[in-house]
mmCIF file of all heavy atoms, coordinates in Angstrom:
data_MODEL
# 
_entry.id   MODEL 
# 
loop_
_atom_site.group_PDB 
_atom_site.id 
_atom_site.type_symbol 
_atom_site.label_atom_id 
_atom_site.label_alt_id 
_atom_site.label_comp_id 
_atom_site.label_asym_id 
_atom_site.label_entity_id 
_atom_site.label_seq_id 
_atom_site.pdbx_PDB_ins_code 
_atom_site.Cartn_x 
_atom_site.Cartn_y 
_atom_site.Cartn_z 
_atom_site.occupancy 
_atom_site.B_iso_or_equiv 
_atom_site.pdbx_formal_charge 
_atom_site.auth_seq_id 
_atom_site.auth_comp_id 
_atom_site.auth_asym_id 
_atom_site.auth_atom_id 
_atom_site.pdbx_PDB_model_num 
ATOM 1   N N   . GLN A 1 1  ? 105.128 74.424 96.513  1.00 0.00 ? 1  GLN A N   1 
ATOM 2   C CA  . GLN A 1 1  ? 104.539 74.687 95.227  1.00 0.00 ? 1  GLN A CA  1 
ATOM 3   C C   . GLN A 1 1  ? 103.209 75.350 95.350  1.00 0.00 ? 1  GLN A C   1 
ATOM 4   O O   . GLN A 1 1  ? 102.807 76.275 94.627  1.00 0.00 ? 1  GLN A O   1 
ATOM 5   C CB  . GLN A 1 1  ? 104.597 73.470 94.383  1.00 0.00 ? 1  GLN A CB  1 
ATOM 6   C CG  . GLN A 1 1  ? 105.955 73.147 93.874  1.00 0.00 ? 1  GLN A CG  1 
ATOM 7   C CD  . GLN A 1 1  ? 106.063 71.694 93.328  1.00 0.00 ? 1  GLN A CD  1 
ATOM 8   O OE1 . GLN A 1 1  ? 105.086 70.847 93.499  1.00 0.00 ? 1  GLN A OE1 1 
ATOM 9   N NE2 . GLN A 1 1  ? 107.032 71.406 92.537  1.00 0.00 ? 1  GLN A NE2 1 
ATOM 10  N N   . ASP A 1 2  ? 102.320 74.823 96.298  1.00 0.00 ? 2  ASP A N   1 
ATOM 11  C CA  . ASP A 1 2  ? 101.142 75.333 96.694  1.00 0.00 ? 2  ASP A CA  1 
ATOM 12  C C   . ASP A 1 2  ? 101.165 76.823 96.982  1.00 0.00 ? 2  ASP A C   1 
ATOM 13  O O   . ASP A 1 2  ? 100.290 77.631 96.719  1.00 0.00 ? 2  ASP A O   1 
ATOM 14  C CB  . ASP A 1 2  ? 100.442 74.476 97.766  1.00 0.00 ? 2  ASP A CB  1 
ATOM 15  C CG  . ASP A 1 2  ? 98.964  74.958 97.844  1.00 0.00 ? 2  ASP A CG  1 
ATOM 16  O OD1 . ASP A 1 2  ? 98.260  75.247 97.021  1.00 0.00 ? 2  ASP A OD1 1 
ATOM 17  O OD2 . ASP A 1 2  ? 98.605  75.068 99.082  1.00 0.00 ? 2  ASP A OD2 1 
ATOM 18  N N   . LEU A 1 3  ? 102.289 77.211 97.856  1.00 0.00 ? 3  LEU A N   1 
ATOM 19  C CA  . LEU A 1 3  ? 102.356 78.553 98.206  1.00 0.00 ? 3  LEU A CA  1 
ATOM 20  C C   . LEU A 1 3  ? 103.118 79.412 97.184  1.00 0.00 ? 3  LEU A C   1 
ATOM 21  O O   . LEU A 1 3  ? 103.206 80.636 97.322  1.00 0.00 ? 3  LEU A O   1 
ATOM 22  C CB  . LEU A 1 3  ? 103.218 78.579 99.460  1.00 0.00 ? 3  LEU A CB  1 
ATOM 23  C CG  . LEU A 1 3  ? 102.529 77.975 100.717 1.00 0.00 ? 3  LEU A CG  1 
ATOM 24  C CD1 . LEU A 1 3  ? 103.554 77.985 101.929 1.00 0.00 ? 3  LEU A CD1 1 
ATOM 25  C CD2 . LEU A 1 3  ? 101.220 78.725 101.045 1.00 0.00 ? 3  LEU A CD2 1 
ATOM 26  N N   . GLY A 1 4  ? 103.468 78.793 96.066  1.00 0.00 ? 4  GLY A N   1 
ATOM 27  C CA  . GLY A 1 4  ? 104.123 79.509 94.958  1.00 0.00 ? 4  GLY A CA  1 
ATOM 28  C C   . GLY A 1 4  ? 105.655 79.863 95.310  1.00 0.00 ? 4  GLY A C   1 
ATOM 29  O O   . GLY A 1 4  ? 106.279 80.796 94.760  1.00 0.00 ? 4  GLY A O   1 
ATOM 30  N N   . LEU A 1 5  ? 106.282 79.103 96.183  1.00 0.00 ? 5  LEU A N   1 
ATOM 31  C CA  . LEU A 1 5  ? 107.687 79.252 96.571  1.00 0.00 ? 5  LEU A CA  1 
ATOM 32  C C   . LEU A 1 5  ? 108.698 78.952 95.424  1.00 0.00 ? 5  LEU A C   1 
ATOM 33  O O   . LEU A 1 5  ? 109.719 79.497 95.222  1.00 0.00 ? 5  LEU A O   1 
ATOM 34  C CB  . LEU A 1 5  ? 108.149 78.415 97.632  1.00 0.00 ? 5  LEU A CB  1 
ATOM 35  C CG  . LEU A 1 5  ? 107.292 78.587 98.920  1.00 0.00 ? 5  LEU A CG  1 
ATOM 36  C CD1 . LEU A 1 5  ? 107.962 77.736 100.087 1.00 0.00 ? 5  LEU A CD1 1 
ATOM 37  C CD2 . LEU A 1 5  ? 107.386 80.013 99.445  1.00 0.00 ? 5  LEU A CD2 1 
ATOM 38  N N   . HIS A 1 6  ? 108.141 78.181 94.451  1.00 0.00 ? 6  HIS A N   1 
ATOM 39  C CA  . HIS A 1 6  ? 108.927 77.796 93.362  1.00 0.00 ? 6  HIS A CA  1 
ATOM 40  C C   . HIS A 1 6  ? 108.986 78.910 92.193  1.00 0.00 ? 6  HIS A C   1 
ATOM 41  O O   . HIS A 1 6  ? 109.745 78.928 91.353  1.00 0.00 ? 6  HIS A O   1 
ATOM 42  C CB  . HIS A 1 6  ? 108.438 76.509 92.591  1.00 0.00 ? 6  HIS A CB  1 
ATOM 43  C CG  . HIS A 1 6  ? 107.018 76.673 92.023  1.00 0.00 ? 6  HIS A CG  1 
ATOM 44  N ND1 . HIS A 1 6  ? 105.935 76.828 92.915  1.00 0.00 ? 6  HIS A ND1 1 
ATOM 45  C CD2 . HIS A 1 6  ? 106.615 76.554 90.910  1.00 0.00 ? 6  HIS A CD2 1 
ATOM 46  C CE1 . HIS A 1 6  ? 104.876 76.925 92.086  1.00 0.00 ? 6  HIS A CE1 1 
ATOM 47  N NE2 . HIS A 1 6  ? 105.323 76.678 90.839  1.00 0.00 ? 6  HIS A NE2 1 
ATOM 48  N N   . LEU A 1 7  ? 108.084 79.939 92.422  1.00 0.00 ? 7  LEU A N   1 
ATOM 49  C CA  . LEU A 1 7  ? 108.038 81.125 91.494  1.00 0.00 ? 7  LEU A CA  1 
ATOM 50  C C   . LEU A 1 7  ? 109.009 82.151 91.987  1.00 0.00 ? 7  LEU A C   1 
ATOM 51  O O   . LEU A 1 7  ? 109.017 82.436 93.136  1.00 0.00 ? 7  LEU A O   1 
ATOM 52  C CB  . LEU A 1 7  ? 106.602 81.671 91.354  1.00 0.00 ? 7  LEU A CB  1 
ATOM 53  C CG  . LEU A 1 7  ? 105.527 80.595 90.900  1.00 0.00 ? 7  LEU A CG  1 
ATOM 54  C CD1 . LEU A 1 7  ? 104.209 81.236 91.088  1.00 0.00 ? 7  LEU A CD1 1 
ATOM 55  C CD2 . LEU A 1 7  ? 105.887 80.015 89.571  1.00 0.00 ? 7  LEU A CD2 1 
ATOM 56  N N   . ASP A 1 8  ? 109.602 82.920 91.060  1.00 0.00 ? 8  ASP A N   1 
ATOM 57  C CA  . ASP A 1 8  ? 110.447 83.988 91.408  1.00 0.00 ? 8  ASP A CA  1 
ATOM 58  C C   . ASP A 1 8  ? 109.607 85.161 91.444  1.00 0.00 ? 8  ASP A C   1 
ATOM 59  O O   . ASP A 1 8  ? 109.382 85.864 90.476  1.00 0.00 ? 8  ASP A O   1 
ATOM 60  C CB  . ASP A 1 8  ? 111.610 84.262 90.407  1.00 0.00 ? 8  ASP A CB  1 
ATOM 61  C CG  . ASP A 1 8  ? 112.630 85.174 90.797  1.00 0.00 ? 8  ASP A CG  1 
ATOM 62  O OD1 . ASP A 1 8  ? 112.362 85.890 91.899  1.00 0.00 ? 8  ASP A OD1 1 
ATOM 63  O OD2 . ASP A 1 8  ? 113.702 85.193 90.307  1.00 0.00 ? 8  ASP A OD2 1 
ATOM 64  N N   . LEU A 1 9  ? 109.022 85.537 92.636  1.00 0.00 ? 9  LEU A N   1 
ATOM 65  C CA  . LEU A 1 9  ? 108.074 86.637 92.746  1.00 0.00 ? 9  LEU A CA  1 
ATOM 66  C C   . LEU A 1 9  ? 108.777 88.030 92.716  1.00 0.00 ? 9  LEU A C   1 
ATOM 67  O O   . LEU A 1 9  ? 108.071 89.000 92.555  1.00 0.00 ? 9  LEU A O   1 
ATOM 68  C CB  . LEU A 1 9  ? 107.304 86.529 94.070  1.00 0.00 ? 9  LEU A CB  1 
ATOM 69  C CG  . LEU A 1 9  ? 106.570 85.258 94.197  1.00 0.00 ? 9  LEU A CG  1 
ATOM 70  C CD1 . LEU A 1 9  ? 105.787 85.262 95.568  1.00 0.00 ? 9  LEU A CD1 1 
ATOM 71  C CD2 . LEU A 1 9  ? 105.374 85.259 93.063  1.00 0.00 ? 9  LEU A CD2 1 
ATOM 72  N N   . ALA A 1 10 ? 110.116 87.972 92.870  1.00 0.00 ? 10 ALA A N   1 
ATOM 73  C CA  . ALA A 1 10 ? 110.707 89.335 92.811  1.00 0.00 ? 10 ALA A CA  1 
ATOM 74  C C   . ALA A 1 10 ? 110.818 89.899 91.361  1.00 0.00 ? 10 ALA A C   1 
ATOM 75  O O   . ALA A 1 10 ? 111.039 91.053 91.119  1.00 0.00 ? 10 ALA A O   1 
ATOM 76  C CB  . ALA A 1 10 ? 112.088 89.275 93.499  1.00 0.00 ? 10 ALA A CB  1 
ATOM 77  N N   . ASP A 1 11 ? 110.880 89.075 90.480  1.00 0.00 ? 11 ASP A N   1 
ATOM 78  C CA  . ASP A 1 11 ? 111.042 89.400 89.072  1.00 0.00 ? 11 ASP A CA  1 
ATOM 79  C C   . ASP A 1 11 ? 110.225 88.482 88.167  1.00 0.00 ? 11 ASP A C   1 
ATOM 80  O O   . ASP A 1 11 ? 110.451 87.318 88.050  1.00 0.00 ? 11 ASP A O   1 
ATOM 81  C CB  . ASP A 1 11 ? 112.563 89.363 88.673  1.00 0.00 ? 11 ASP A CB  1 
ATOM 82  C CG  . ASP A 1 11 ? 112.922 89.829 87.290  1.00 0.00 ? 11 ASP A CG  1 
ATOM 83  O OD1 . ASP A 1 11 ? 111.977 90.308 86.551  1.00 0.00 ? 11 ASP A OD1 1 
ATOM 84  O OD2 . ASP A 1 11 ? 114.101 89.797 86.940  1.00 0.00 ? 11 ASP A OD2 1 
ATOM 85  N N   . ASP A 1 12 ? 109.340 89.105 87.337  1.00 0.00 ? 12 ASP A N   1 
ATOM 86  C CA  . ASP A 1 12 ? 108.480 88.361 86.542  1.00 0.00 ? 12 ASP A CA  1 
ATOM 87  C C   . ASP A 1 12 ? 109.125 88.205 85.076  1.00 0.00 ? 12 ASP A C   1 
ATOM 88  O O   . ASP A 1 12 ? 108.301 87.835 84.155  1.00 0.00 ? 12 ASP A O   1 
ATOM 89  C CB  . ASP A 1 12 ? 107.005 88.882 86.522  1.00 0.00 ? 12 ASP A CB  1 
ATOM 90  C CG  . ASP A 1 12 ? 106.992 90.284 85.950  1.00 0.00 ? 12 ASP A CG  1 
ATOM 91  O OD1 . ASP A 1 12 ? 108.052 90.818 85.566  1.00 0.00 ? 12 ASP A OD1 1 
ATOM 92  O OD2 . ASP A 1 12 ? 105.799 90.873 85.875  1.00 0.00 ? 12 ASP A OD2 1 
ATOM 93  N N   . GLY A 1 13 ? 110.338 88.628 84.958  1.00 0.00 ? 13 GLY A N   1 
ATOM 94  C CA  . GLY A 1 13 ? 110.827 88.544 83.572  1.00 0.00 ? 13 GLY A CA  1 
ATOM 95  C C   . GLY A 1 13 ? 110.872 89.839 82.741  1.00 0.00 ? 13 GLY A C   1 
ATOM 96  O O   . GLY A 1 13 ? 111.571 90.016 81.872  1.00 0.00 ? 13 GLY A O   1 
ATOM 97  N N   . THR A 1 14 ? 109.993 90.700 83.221  1.00 0.00 ? 14 THR A N   1 
ATOM 98  C CA  . THR A 1 14 ? 109.836 91.993 82.579  1.00 0.00 ? 14 THR A CA  1 
ATOM 99  C C   . THR A 1 14 ? 110.646 93.176 83.266  1.00 0.00 ? 14 THR A C   1 
ATOM 100 O O   . THR A 1 14 ? 110.626 94.295 82.932  1.00 0.00 ? 14 THR A O   1 
ATOM 101 C CB  . THR A 1 14 ? 108.355 92.458 82.564  1.00 0.00 ? 14 THR A CB  1 
ATOM 102 O OG1 . THR A 1 14 ? 107.871 92.614 83.823  1.00 0.00 ? 14 THR A OG1 1 
ATOM 103 C CG2 . THR A 1 14 ? 107.581 91.433 81.758  1.00 0.00 ? 14 THR A CG2 1 
ATOM 104 N N   . GLY A 1 15 ? 111.357 92.725 84.332  1.00 0.00 ? 15 GLY A N   1 
ATOM 105 C CA  . GLY A 1 15 ? 111.982 93.733 85.243  1.00 0.00 ? 15 GLY A CA  1 
ATOM 106 C C   . GLY A 1 15 ? 111.031 94.395 86.315  1.00 0.00 ? 15 GLY A C   1 
ATOM 107 O O   . GLY A 1 15 ? 111.601 95.184 87.040  1.00 0.00 ? 15 GLY A O   1 
ATOM 108 N N   . LYS A 1 16 ? 109.839 94.161 86.213  1.00 0.00 ? 16 LYS A N   1 
ATOM 109 C CA  . LYS A 1 16 ? 108.894 94.581 87.258  1.00 0.00 ? 16 LYS A CA  1 
ATOM 110 C C   . LYS A 1 16 ? 108.783 93.761 88.457  1.00 0.00 ? 16 LYS A C   1 
ATOM 111 O O   . LYS A 1 16 ? 108.825 92.536 88.343  1.00 0.00 ? 16 LYS A O   1 
ATOM 112 C CB  . LYS A 1 16 ? 107.466 94.808 86.711  1.00 0.00 ? 16 LYS A CB  1 
ATOM 113 C CG  . LYS A 1 16 ? 107.501 95.658 85.546  1.00 0.00 ? 16 LYS A CG  1 
ATOM 114 C CD  . LYS A 1 16 ? 106.005 95.758 84.925  1.00 0.00 ? 16 LYS A CD  1 
ATOM 115 C CE  . LYS A 1 16 ? 105.901 96.590 83.776  1.00 0.00 ? 16 LYS A CE  1 
ATOM 116 N NZ  . LYS A 1 16 ? 104.629 96.480 83.074  1.00 0.00 ? 16 LYS A NZ  1 
ATOM 117 N N   . GLU A 1 17 ? 108.820 94.366 89.553  1.00 0.00 ? 17 GLU A N   1 
ATOM 118 C CA  . GLU A 1 17 ? 108.810 93.581 90.872  1.00 0.00 ? 17 GLU A CA  1 
ATOM 119 C C   . GLU A 1 17 ? 107.376 93.402 91.202  1.00 0.00 ? 17 GLU A C   1 
ATOM 120 O O   . GLU A 1 17 ? 106.755 94.356 91.786  1.00 0.00 ? 17 GLU A O   1 
ATOM 121 C CB  . GLU A 1 17 ? 109.635 94.195 91.962  1.00 0.00 ? 17 GLU A CB  1 
ATOM 122 C CG  . GLU A 1 17 ? 111.134 94.298 91.579  1.00 0.00 ? 17 GLU A CG  1 
ATOM 123 C CD  . GLU A 1 17 ? 111.993 94.694 92.804  1.00 0.00 ? 17 GLU A CD  1 
ATOM 124 O OE1 . GLU A 1 17 ? 111.381 95.058 93.811  1.00 0.00 ? 17 GLU A OE1 1 
ATOM 125 O OE2 . GLU A 1 17 ? 113.204 94.794 92.574  1.00 0.00 ? 17 GLU A OE2 1 
ATOM 126 N N   . GLN A 1 18 ? 106.764 92.334 90.871  1.00 0.00 ? 18 GLN A N   1 
ATOM 127 C CA  . GLN A 1 18 ? 105.357 92.075 91.168  1.00 0.00 ? 18 GLN A CA  1 
ATOM 128 C C   . GLN A 1 18 ? 104.965 91.851 92.603  1.00 0.00 ? 18 GLN A C   1 
ATOM 129 O O   . GLN A 1 18 ? 103.849 91.984 92.994  1.00 0.00 ? 18 GLN A O   1 
ATOM 130 C CB  . GLN A 1 18 ? 104.795 91.050 90.299  1.00 0.00 ? 18 GLN A CB  1 
ATOM 131 C CG  . GLN A 1 18 ? 105.425 89.651 90.511  1.00 0.00 ? 18 GLN A CG  1 
ATOM 132 C CD  . GLN A 1 18 ? 104.940 88.598 89.579  1.00 0.00 ? 18 GLN A CD  1 
ATOM 133 O OE1 . GLN A 1 18 ? 104.315 89.016 88.548  1.00 0.00 ? 18 GLN A OE1 1 
ATOM 134 N NE2 . GLN A 1 18 ? 105.471 87.378 89.865  1.00 0.00 ? 18 GLN A NE2 1 
ATOM 135 N N   . ALA A 1 19 ? 105.958 91.310 93.382  1.00 0.00 ? 19 ALA A N   1 
ATOM 136 C CA  . ALA A 1 19 ? 105.537 90.918 94.705  1.00 0.00 ? 19 ALA A CA  1 
ATOM 137 C C   . ALA A 1 19 ? 105.822 91.973 95.775  1.00 0.00 ? 19 ALA A C   1 
ATOM 138 O O   . ALA A 1 19 ? 105.714 91.777 96.921  1.00 0.00 ? 19 ALA A O   1 
ATOM 139 C CB  . ALA A 1 19 ? 106.296 89.632 95.070  1.00 0.00 ? 19 ALA A CB  1 
ATOM 140 N N   . GLN A 1 20 ? 106.283 93.067 95.335  1.00 0.00 ? 20 GLN A N   1 
ATOM 141 C CA  . GLN A 1 20 ? 106.636 94.125 96.410  1.00 0.00 ? 20 GLN A CA  1 
ATOM 142 C C   . GLN A 1 20 ? 105.461 94.529 97.227  1.00 0.00 ? 20 GLN A C   1 
ATOM 143 O O   . GLN A 1 20 ? 105.609 94.744 98.359  1.00 0.00 ? 20 GLN A O   1 
ATOM 144 C CB  . GLN A 1 20 ? 107.216 95.332 95.678  1.00 0.00 ? 20 GLN A CB  1 
ATOM 145 C CG  . GLN A 1 20 ? 108.757 95.156 95.277  1.00 0.00 ? 20 GLN A CG  1 
ATOM 146 C CD  . GLN A 1 20 ? 109.660 94.954 96.398  1.00 0.00 ? 20 GLN A CD  1 
ATOM 147 O OE1 . GLN A 1 20 ? 109.320 94.554 97.473  1.00 0.00 ? 20 GLN A OE1 1 
ATOM 148 N NE2 . GLN A 1 20 ? 110.828 95.092 96.149  1.00 0.00 ? 20 GLN A NE2 1 
ATOM 149 N N   . THR A 1 21 ? 104.278 94.561 96.657  1.00 0.00 ? 21 THR A N   1 
ATOM 150 C CA  . THR A 1 21 ? 103.161 94.923 97.378  1.00 0.00 ? 21 THR A CA  1 
ATOM 151 C C   . THR A 1 21 ? 102.622 93.795 98.261  1.00 0.00 ? 21 THR A C   1 
ATOM 152 O O   . THR A 1 21 ? 101.938 93.933 99.287  1.00 0.00 ? 21 THR A O   1 
ATOM 153 C CB  . THR A 1 21 ? 101.974 95.377 96.549  1.00 0.00 ? 21 THR A CB  1 
ATOM 154 O OG1 . THR A 1 21 ? 101.647 94.352 95.506  1.00 0.00 ? 21 THR A OG1 1 
ATOM 155 C CG2 . THR A 1 21 ? 102.340 96.699 95.812  1.00 0.00 ? 21 THR A CG2 1 
ATOM 156 N N   . GLN A 1 22 ? 102.852 92.484 97.787  1.00 0.00 ? 22 GLN A N   1 
ATOM 157 C CA  . GLN A 1 22 ? 102.355 91.489 98.482  1.00 0.00 ? 22 GLN A CA  1 
ATOM 158 C C   . GLN A 1 22 ? 103.315 91.025 99.598  1.00 0.00 ? 22 GLN A C   1 
ATOM 159 O O   . GLN A 1 22 ? 102.882 90.485 100.675 1.00 0.00 ? 22 GLN A O   1 
ATOM 160 C CB  . GLN A 1 22 ? 102.272 90.237 97.536  1.00 0.00 ? 22 GLN A CB  1 
ATOM 161 C CG  . GLN A 1 22 ? 101.512 89.071 98.135  1.00 0.00 ? 22 GLN A CG  1 
ATOM 162 C CD  . GLN A 1 22 ? 101.339 87.989 97.078  1.00 0.00 ? 22 GLN A CD  1 
ATOM 163 O OE1 . GLN A 1 22 ? 101.669 88.082 95.886  1.00 0.00 ? 22 GLN A OE1 1 
ATOM 164 N NE2 . GLN A 1 22 ? 100.610 86.850 97.511  1.00 0.00 ? 22 GLN A NE2 1 
ATOM 165 N N   . TYR A 1 23 ? 104.615 90.956 99.434  1.00 0.00 ? 23 TYR A N   1 
ATOM 166 C CA  . TYR A 1 23 ? 105.609 90.518 100.385 1.00 0.00 ? 23 TYR A CA  1 
ATOM 167 C C   . TYR A 1 23 ? 106.714 91.527 100.598 1.00 0.00 ? 23 TYR A C   1 
ATOM 168 O O   . TYR A 1 23 ? 107.177 92.136 99.662  1.00 0.00 ? 23 TYR A O   1 
ATOM 169 C CB  . TYR A 1 23 ? 106.303 89.135 99.884  1.00 0.00 ? 23 TYR A CB  1 
ATOM 170 C CG  . TYR A 1 23 ? 105.286 88.140 99.714  1.00 0.00 ? 23 TYR A CG  1 
ATOM 171 C CD1 . TYR A 1 23 ? 104.938 87.648 98.431  1.00 0.00 ? 23 TYR A CD1 1 
ATOM 172 C CD2 . TYR A 1 23 ? 104.828 87.453 100.753 1.00 0.00 ? 23 TYR A CD2 1 
ATOM 173 C CE1 . TYR A 1 23 ? 104.205 86.570 98.231  1.00 0.00 ? 23 TYR A CE1 1 
ATOM 174 C CE2 . TYR A 1 23 ? 103.866 86.366 100.568 1.00 0.00 ? 23 TYR A CE2 1 
ATOM 175 C CZ  . TYR A 1 23 ? 103.518 85.904 99.355  1.00 0.00 ? 23 TYR A CZ  1 
ATOM 176 O OH  . TYR A 1 23 ? 102.688 84.941 99.124  1.00 0.00 ? 23 TYR A OH  1 
ATOM 177 N N   . SER A 1 24 ? 107.284 91.518 101.796 1.00 0.00 ? 24 SER A N   1 
ATOM 178 C CA  . SER A 1 24 ? 108.350 92.569 102.010 1.00 0.00 ? 24 SER A CA  1 
ATOM 179 C C   . SER A 1 24 ? 109.653 91.873 101.504 1.00 0.00 ? 24 SER A C   1 
ATOM 180 O O   . SER A 1 24 ? 109.526 90.588 101.118 1.00 0.00 ? 24 SER A O   1 
ATOM 181 C CB  . SER A 1 24 ? 108.397 92.878 103.493 1.00 0.00 ? 24 SER A CB  1 
ATOM 182 O OG  . SER A 1 24 ? 108.802 91.664 104.253 1.00 0.00 ? 24 SER A OG  1 
ATOM 183 N N   . VAL A 1 25 ? 110.677 92.571 101.559 1.00 0.00 ? 25 VAL A N   1 
ATOM 184 C CA  . VAL A 1 25 ? 111.946 91.969 101.084 1.00 0.00 ? 25 VAL A CA  1 
ATOM 185 C C   . VAL A 1 25 ? 112.325 90.861 102.044 1.00 0.00 ? 25 VAL A C   1 
ATOM 186 O O   . VAL A 1 25 ? 112.875 89.886 101.538 1.00 0.00 ? 25 VAL A O   1 
ATOM 187 C CB  . VAL A 1 25 ? 113.103 93.155 101.121 1.00 0.00 ? 25 VAL A CB  1 
ATOM 188 C CG1 . VAL A 1 25 ? 114.450 92.504 100.792 1.00 0.00 ? 25 VAL A CG1 1 
ATOM 189 C CG2 . VAL A 1 25 ? 112.725 94.149 100.016 1.00 0.00 ? 25 VAL A CG2 1 
ATOM 190 N N   . GLU A 1 26 ? 112.107 91.041 103.303 1.00 0.00 ? 26 GLU A N   1 
ATOM 191 C CA  . GLU A 1 26 ? 112.482 90.065 104.297 1.00 0.00 ? 26 GLU A CA  1 
ATOM 192 C C   . GLU A 1 26 ? 111.610 88.796 104.173 1.00 0.00 ? 26 GLU A C   1 
ATOM 193 O O   . GLU A 1 26 ? 112.168 87.662 104.161 1.00 0.00 ? 26 GLU A O   1 
ATOM 194 C CB  . GLU A 1 26 ? 112.247 90.540 105.820 1.00 0.00 ? 26 GLU A CB  1 
ATOM 195 C CG  . GLU A 1 26 ? 113.114 91.582 106.138 1.00 0.00 ? 26 GLU A CG  1 
ATOM 196 C CD  . GLU A 1 26 ? 112.775 92.920 105.674 1.00 0.00 ? 26 GLU A CD  1 
ATOM 197 O OE1 . GLU A 1 26 ? 111.562 93.174 105.295 1.00 0.00 ? 26 GLU A OE1 1 
ATOM 198 O OE2 . GLU A 1 26 ? 113.672 93.830 105.649 1.00 0.00 ? 26 GLU A OE2 1 
ATOM 199 N N   . GLU A 1 27 ? 110.249 88.918 103.735 1.00 0.00 ? 27 GLU A N   1 
ATOM 200 C CA  . GLU A 1 27 ? 109.478 87.808 103.521 1.00 0.00 ? 27 GLU A CA  1 
ATOM 201 C C   . GLU A 1 27 ? 109.957 87.010 102.298 1.00 0.00 ? 27 GLU A C   1 
ATOM 202 O O   . GLU A 1 27 ? 109.837 85.741 102.238 1.00 0.00 ? 27 GLU A O   1 
ATOM 203 C CB  . GLU A 1 27 ? 107.983 88.275 103.424 1.00 0.00 ? 27 GLU A CB  1 
ATOM 204 C CG  . GLU A 1 27 ? 107.392 88.639 104.746 1.00 0.00 ? 27 GLU A CG  1 
ATOM 205 C CD  . GLU A 1 27 ? 105.900 89.233 104.548 1.00 0.00 ? 27 GLU A CD  1 
ATOM 206 O OE1 . GLU A 1 27 ? 105.899 90.053 103.568 1.00 0.00 ? 27 GLU A OE1 1 
ATOM 207 O OE2 . GLU A 1 27 ? 105.144 89.021 105.380 1.00 0.00 ? 27 GLU A OE2 1 
ATOM 208 N N   . LEU A 1 28 ? 110.261 87.780 101.240 1.00 0.00 ? 28 LEU A N   1 
ATOM 209 C CA  . LEU A 1 28 ? 110.811 87.156 100.084 1.00 0.00 ? 28 LEU A CA  1 
ATOM 210 C C   . LEU A 1 28 ? 111.986 86.304 100.270 1.00 0.00 ? 28 LEU A C   1 
ATOM 211 O O   . LEU A 1 28 ? 112.210 85.150 99.838  1.00 0.00 ? 28 LEU A O   1 
ATOM 212 C CB  . LEU A 1 28 ? 111.050 88.083 98.914  1.00 0.00 ? 28 LEU A CB  1 
ATOM 213 C CG  . LEU A 1 28 ? 109.841 88.702 98.219  1.00 0.00 ? 28 LEU A CG  1 
ATOM 214 C CD1 . LEU A 1 28 ? 110.223 89.786 97.322  1.00 0.00 ? 28 LEU A CD1 1 
ATOM 215 C CD2 . LEU A 1 28 ? 109.026 87.629 97.522  1.00 0.00 ? 28 LEU A CD2 1 
# 
């Protein structure tokens, strides 16, 4: 939870992929 693993970083509910710049597909 501290690392935010419980959050769905690939989709923030708006259809935008917010984590693409932060994490690669493999990292996600």
